[in-house]
Amino acid sequence: MKREDDIVAGLLLDEEHLLTLGELSRACCVHAEWIVELVEQGIIEPNGNDLRHWRFSGSCLSRVMRVQRLQRDLGINLAGAALALDLLDEVRRLRRRLSIIDHHQ
């Protein structure tokens, strides 16, 4: 149960704040090797040429957490998670476009 005097600390991430591989893996409580698998599957895309220089945006953190939920809740493998995320992103884009169109009518 949460008390009024409990303190919650956190870091607000946006597209300008970049995380290292280690920071991303710690933030998501996963091994760095799993993050590398996500990059290999095309689920997230780091900035930087090699593993030591990889930097990840806040949207990568969000995608990693969504993959974790898909795997935990639905038992989806990484290829399925990649497809699900792409489809969810497409639905979001289409809804945004539809909202704009509806607004202009």
N, C-alpha and C. Protein backbone atom coordinates (compact mmCIF):
# COMPACT_ATOMS: atom_id res chain seq x y z
N MET A 1 0.84 -1.18 0.00
CA MET A 1 0.00 0.00 0.00
C MET A 1 0.88 1.24 0.00
N LYS A 2 0.53 2.22 -0.78
CA LYS A 2 1.34 3.43 -0.90
C LYS A 2 0.96 4.45 0.16
N ARG A 3 1.97 4.97 0.83
CA ARG A 3 1.74 6.01 1.82
C ARG A 3 1.98 7.36 1.18
N GLU A 4 1.43 8.41 1.80
CA GLU A 4 1.58 9.76 1.25
C GLU A 4 3.03 10.23 1.25
N ASP A 5 3.84 9.74 2.19
CA ASP A 5 5.21 10.22 2.28
C ASP A 5 6.18 9.37 1.47
N ASP A 6 5.68 8.37 0.70
CA ASP A 6 6.54 7.60 -0.19
C ASP A 6 7.05 8.50 -1.30
N ILE A 7 8.30 8.34 -1.65
CA ILE A 7 8.91 9.15 -2.71
C ILE A 7 9.18 8.25 -3.90
N VAL A 8 8.77 8.72 -5.04
CA VAL A 8 9.01 7.99 -6.28
C VAL A 8 9.96 8.84 -7.12
N ALA A 9 11.05 8.24 -7.56
CA ALA A 9 12.01 8.95 -8.39
C ALA A 9 11.97 8.37 -9.79
N GLY A 10 12.22 9.20 -10.76
CA GLY A 10 12.22 8.73 -12.13
C GLY A 10 12.91 9.73 -13.04
N LEU A 11 13.05 9.35 -14.28
CA LEU A 11 13.68 10.19 -15.28
C LEU A 11 12.73 10.29 -16.45
N LEU A 12 12.39 11.51 -16.83
CA LEU A 12 11.53 11.75 -17.96
C LEU A 12 12.39 11.73 -19.22
N LEU A 13 12.05 10.82 -20.14
CA LEU A 13 12.85 10.68 -21.35
C LEU A 13 12.09 11.22 -22.55
N ASP A 14 12.81 11.90 -23.40
CA ASP A 14 12.24 12.35 -24.65
C ASP A 14 13.18 11.91 -25.76
N GLU A 15 12.93 12.36 -26.96
CA GLU A 15 13.74 11.93 -28.09
C GLU A 15 15.15 12.53 -28.06
N GLU A 16 15.39 13.53 -27.23
CA GLU A 16 16.72 14.15 -27.17
C GLU A 16 17.64 13.46 -26.17
N HIS A 17 17.07 12.81 -25.17
CA HIS A 17 17.87 12.11 -24.17
C HIS A 17 18.16 10.70 -24.68
N LEU A 18 19.42 10.36 -24.78
CA LEU A 18 19.80 9.06 -25.31
C LEU A 18 20.38 8.17 -24.22
N LEU A 19 20.08 6.89 -24.30
CA LEU A 19 20.56 5.91 -23.34
C LEU A 19 21.63 5.03 -23.97
N THR A 20 22.62 4.64 -23.18
CA THR A 20 23.59 3.67 -23.64
C THR A 20 22.95 2.29 -23.60
N LEU A 21 23.63 1.31 -24.14
CA LEU A 21 23.14 -0.07 -24.09
C LEU A 21 22.97 -0.51 -22.64
N GLY A 22 23.93 -0.21 -21.81
CA GLY A 22 23.86 -0.58 -20.39
C GLY A 22 22.70 0.10 -19.68
N GLU A 23 22.50 1.39 -19.95
CA GLU A 23 21.41 2.12 -19.32
C GLU A 23 20.05 1.57 -19.74
N LEU A 24 19.92 1.25 -21.03
CA LEU A 24 18.66 0.70 -21.52
C LEU A 24 18.39 -0.67 -20.90
N SER A 25 19.41 -1.51 -20.85
CA SER A 25 19.21 -2.84 -20.28
C SER A 25 18.88 -2.76 -18.79
N ARG A 26 19.51 -1.85 -18.06
CA ARG A 26 19.19 -1.67 -16.63
C ARG A 26 17.77 -1.11 -16.45
N ALA A 27 17.39 -0.16 -17.29
CA ALA A 27 16.06 0.46 -17.18
C ALA A 27 14.96 -0.58 -17.40
N CYS A 28 15.23 -1.57 -18.25
CA CYS A 28 14.23 -2.59 -18.57
C CYS A 28 14.45 -3.90 -17.81
N CYS A 29 15.50 -3.93 -16.99
CA CYS A 29 15.83 -5.13 -16.20
C CYS A 29 16.03 -6.36 -17.09
N VAL A 30 16.80 -6.19 -18.17
CA VAL A 30 17.10 -7.30 -19.08
C VAL A 30 18.60 -7.30 -19.36
N HIS A 31 19.08 -8.41 -19.90
CA HIS A 31 20.48 -8.51 -20.27
C HIS A 31 20.73 -7.73 -21.57
N ALA A 32 21.91 -7.18 -21.69
CA ALA A 32 22.28 -6.43 -22.89
C ALA A 32 22.18 -7.31 -24.14
N GLU A 33 22.43 -8.60 -23.99
CA GLU A 33 22.35 -9.51 -25.14
C GLU A 33 20.94 -9.53 -25.73
N TRP A 34 19.93 -9.42 -24.87
CA TRP A 34 18.54 -9.41 -25.34
C TRP A 34 18.26 -8.13 -26.13
N ILE A 35 18.82 -7.02 -25.66
CA ILE A 35 18.68 -5.75 -26.39
C ILE A 35 19.32 -5.89 -27.77
N VAL A 36 20.48 -6.53 -27.84
CA VAL A 36 21.15 -6.75 -29.12
C VAL A 36 20.25 -7.57 -30.04
N GLU A 37 19.56 -8.57 -29.50
CA GLU A 37 18.62 -9.36 -30.31
C GLU A 37 17.50 -8.48 -30.87
N LEU A 38 17.02 -7.54 -30.07
CA LEU A 38 15.98 -6.63 -30.54
C LEU A 38 16.48 -5.77 -31.70
N VAL A 39 17.73 -5.34 -31.61
CA VAL A 39 18.33 -4.57 -32.70
C VAL A 39 18.45 -5.45 -33.94
N GLU A 40 18.91 -6.68 -33.78
CA GLU A 40 19.05 -7.59 -34.91
C GLU A 40 17.71 -7.90 -35.58
N GLN A 41 16.63 -7.93 -34.80
CA GLN A 41 15.29 -8.19 -35.34
C GLN A 41 14.67 -6.94 -35.95
N GLY A 42 15.32 -5.79 -35.78
CA GLY A 42 14.79 -4.54 -36.32
C GLY A 42 13.70 -3.93 -35.46
N ILE A 43 13.57 -4.39 -34.23
CA ILE A 43 12.54 -3.88 -33.34
C ILE A 43 12.91 -2.50 -32.82
N ILE A 44 14.17 -2.30 -32.51
CA ILE A 44 14.68 -0.98 -32.12
C ILE A 44 15.89 -0.67 -32.97
N GLU A 45 16.15 0.61 -33.11
CA GLU A 45 17.26 1.05 -33.95
C GLU A 45 18.13 2.04 -33.18
N PRO A 46 19.36 1.64 -32.86
CA PRO A 46 20.24 2.54 -32.11
C PRO A 46 20.90 3.56 -33.03
N ASN A 47 21.30 4.66 -32.43
CA ASN A 47 22.20 5.59 -33.10
C ASN A 47 23.61 5.13 -32.79
N GLY A 48 24.52 5.26 -33.71
CA GLY A 48 25.90 4.83 -33.48
C GLY A 48 26.28 3.66 -34.36
N ASN A 49 27.58 3.57 -34.65
CA ASN A 49 28.06 2.57 -35.60
C ASN A 49 28.33 1.21 -35.01
N ASP A 50 28.76 1.15 -33.77
CA ASP A 50 29.05 -0.15 -33.18
C ASP A 50 28.51 -0.22 -31.76
N LEU A 51 28.51 -1.40 -31.23
CA LEU A 51 27.91 -1.69 -29.93
C LEU A 51 28.34 -0.72 -28.84
N ARG A 52 29.61 -0.38 -28.80
CA ARG A 52 30.12 0.52 -27.76
C ARG A 52 29.58 1.93 -27.89
N HIS A 53 29.20 2.32 -29.09
CA HIS A 53 28.73 3.69 -29.33
C HIS A 53 27.22 3.78 -29.54
N TRP A 54 26.53 2.66 -29.37
CA TRP A 54 25.08 2.69 -29.54
C TRP A 54 24.44 3.60 -28.50
N ARG A 55 23.45 4.37 -28.97
CA ARG A 55 22.62 5.21 -28.10
C ARG A 55 21.17 5.00 -28.51
N PHE A 56 20.30 4.91 -27.52
CA PHE A 56 18.90 4.59 -27.76
C PHE A 56 18.01 5.74 -27.28
N SER A 57 17.01 6.06 -28.07
CA SER A 57 16.07 7.13 -27.73
C SER A 57 15.01 6.64 -26.76
N GLY A 58 14.23 7.57 -26.26
CA GLY A 58 13.12 7.23 -25.38
C GLY A 58 12.11 6.32 -26.05
N SER A 59 11.93 6.48 -27.36
CA SER A 59 10.99 5.61 -28.07
C SER A 59 11.49 4.16 -28.10
N CYS A 60 12.80 3.98 -28.11
CA CYS A 60 13.35 2.61 -28.03
C CYS A 60 13.02 1.99 -26.68
N LEU A 61 13.14 2.78 -25.62
CA LEU A 61 12.79 2.30 -24.29
C LEU A 61 11.33 1.87 -24.27
N SER A 62 10.47 2.67 -24.83
CA SER A 62 9.04 2.34 -24.89
C SER A 62 8.80 1.06 -25.66
N ARG A 63 9.47 0.89 -26.80
CA ARG A 63 9.30 -0.31 -27.62
C ARG A 63 9.80 -1.55 -26.88
N VAL A 64 10.92 -1.44 -26.19
CA VAL A 64 11.44 -2.58 -25.43
C VAL A 64 10.43 -3.00 -24.36
N MET A 65 9.86 -2.04 -23.68
CA MET A 65 8.89 -2.36 -22.64
C MET A 65 7.62 -2.98 -23.24
N ARG A 66 7.23 -2.54 -24.42
CA ARG A 66 6.06 -3.13 -25.08
C ARG A 66 6.35 -4.57 -25.50
N VAL A 67 7.57 -4.83 -25.98
CA VAL A 67 7.95 -6.20 -26.35
C VAL A 67 7.92 -7.08 -25.11
N GLN A 68 8.42 -6.58 -24.00
CA GLN A 68 8.39 -7.35 -22.76
C GLN A 68 6.95 -7.73 -22.40
N ARG A 69 6.03 -6.76 -22.50
CA ARG A 69 4.63 -7.06 -22.18
C ARG A 69 4.03 -8.07 -23.15
N LEU A 70 4.32 -7.93 -24.45
CA LEU A 70 3.81 -8.88 -25.43
C LEU A 70 4.31 -10.29 -25.14
N GLN A 71 5.58 -10.41 -24.81
CA GLN A 71 6.13 -11.73 -24.52
C GLN A 71 5.57 -12.29 -23.22
N ARG A 72 5.48 -11.46 -22.20
CA ARG A 72 4.99 -11.92 -20.90
C ARG A 72 3.50 -12.27 -20.97
N ASP A 73 2.71 -11.38 -21.54
CA ASP A 73 1.25 -11.56 -21.50
C ASP A 73 0.72 -12.51 -22.57
N LEU A 74 1.38 -12.52 -23.74
CA LEU A 74 0.85 -13.31 -24.85
C LEU A 74 1.78 -14.43 -25.32
N GLY A 75 2.99 -14.47 -24.78
CA GLY A 75 3.93 -15.52 -25.18
C GLY A 75 4.44 -15.38 -26.60
N ILE A 76 4.46 -14.17 -27.11
CA ILE A 76 4.88 -13.91 -28.50
C ILE A 76 6.41 -13.92 -28.59
N ASN A 77 6.94 -14.54 -29.66
CA ASN A 77 8.39 -14.52 -29.87
C ASN A 77 8.80 -13.16 -30.46
N LEU A 78 10.10 -12.93 -30.63
CA LEU A 78 10.56 -11.62 -31.09
C LEU A 78 10.06 -11.26 -32.48
N ALA A 79 10.01 -12.23 -33.38
CA ALA A 79 9.50 -11.95 -34.73
C ALA A 79 8.03 -11.53 -34.66
N GLY A 80 7.25 -12.21 -33.85
CA GLY A 80 5.84 -11.86 -33.67
C GLY A 80 5.68 -10.50 -33.00
N ALA A 81 6.54 -10.21 -32.04
CA ALA A 81 6.49 -8.92 -31.36
C ALA A 81 6.82 -7.79 -32.34
N ALA A 82 7.80 -8.02 -33.21
CA ALA A 82 8.16 -7.01 -34.21
C ALA A 82 6.97 -6.72 -35.11
N LEU A 83 6.30 -7.76 -35.56
CA LEU A 83 5.13 -7.60 -36.41
C LEU A 83 4.01 -6.88 -35.67
N ALA A 84 3.76 -7.29 -34.44
CA ALA A 84 2.70 -6.66 -33.64
C ALA A 84 2.98 -5.17 -33.44
N LEU A 85 4.22 -4.82 -33.13
CA LEU A 85 4.57 -3.41 -32.94
C LEU A 85 4.39 -2.62 -34.22
N ASP A 86 4.80 -3.19 -35.35
CA ASP A 86 4.62 -2.50 -36.64
C ASP A 86 3.14 -2.27 -36.92
N LEU A 87 2.32 -3.27 -36.66
CA LEU A 87 0.88 -3.13 -36.89
C LEU A 87 0.26 -2.11 -35.94
N LEU A 88 0.65 -2.13 -34.68
CA LEU A 88 0.15 -1.15 -33.72
C LEU A 88 0.55 0.27 -34.11
N ASP A 89 1.79 0.43 -34.59
CA ASP A 89 2.25 1.75 -35.05
C ASP A 89 1.44 2.22 -36.25
N GLU A 90 1.13 1.31 -37.17
CA GLU A 90 0.35 1.65 -38.35
C GLU A 90 -1.08 2.05 -37.95
N VAL A 91 -1.68 1.33 -37.03
CA VAL A 91 -3.02 1.68 -36.54
C VAL A 91 -3.00 3.08 -35.92
N ARG A 92 -1.97 3.37 -35.13
CA ARG A 92 -1.85 4.68 -34.49
C ARG A 92 -1.74 5.79 -35.55
N ARG A 93 -0.92 5.56 -36.59
CA ARG A 93 -0.78 6.55 -37.67
C ARG A 93 -2.10 6.76 -38.40
N LEU A 94 -2.80 5.68 -38.70
CA LEU A 94 -4.07 5.77 -39.41
C LEU A 94 -5.12 6.50 -38.57
N ARG A 95 -5.16 6.22 -37.30
CA ARG A 95 -6.11 6.91 -36.42
C ARG A 95 -5.81 8.41 -36.35
N ARG A 96 -4.54 8.73 -36.32
CA ARG A 96 -4.15 10.14 -36.29
C ARG A 96 -4.58 10.84 -37.58
N ARG A 97 -4.36 10.18 -38.73
CA ARG A 97 -4.78 10.75 -40.01
C ARG A 97 -6.28 10.89 -40.08
N LEU A 98 -7.00 9.89 -39.62
CA LEU A 98 -8.46 9.94 -39.62
C LEU A 98 -8.96 11.08 -38.73
N SER A 99 -8.33 11.26 -37.60
CA SER A 99 -8.71 12.35 -36.70
C SER A 99 -8.50 13.70 -37.37
N ILE A 100 -7.41 13.86 -38.10
CA ILE A 100 -7.15 15.12 -38.81
C ILE A 100 -8.19 15.35 -39.89
N ILE A 101 -8.51 14.30 -40.63
CA ILE A 101 -9.52 14.40 -41.70
C ILE A 101 -10.87 14.76 -41.10
N ASP A 102 -11.26 14.10 -40.01
CA ASP A 102 -12.54 14.38 -39.36
C ASP A 102 -12.60 15.81 -38.85
N HIS A 103 -11.47 16.31 -38.39
CA HIS A 103 -11.39 17.67 -37.85
C HIS A 103 -11.60 18.73 -38.93
N HIS A 104 -11.19 18.41 -40.15
CA HIS A 104 -11.27 19.37 -41.25
C HIS A 104 -12.60 19.31 -42.00
N GLN A 105 -13.46 18.42 -41.64
CA GLN A 105 -14.75 18.29 -42.35
C GLN A 105 -15.85 19.05 -41.65
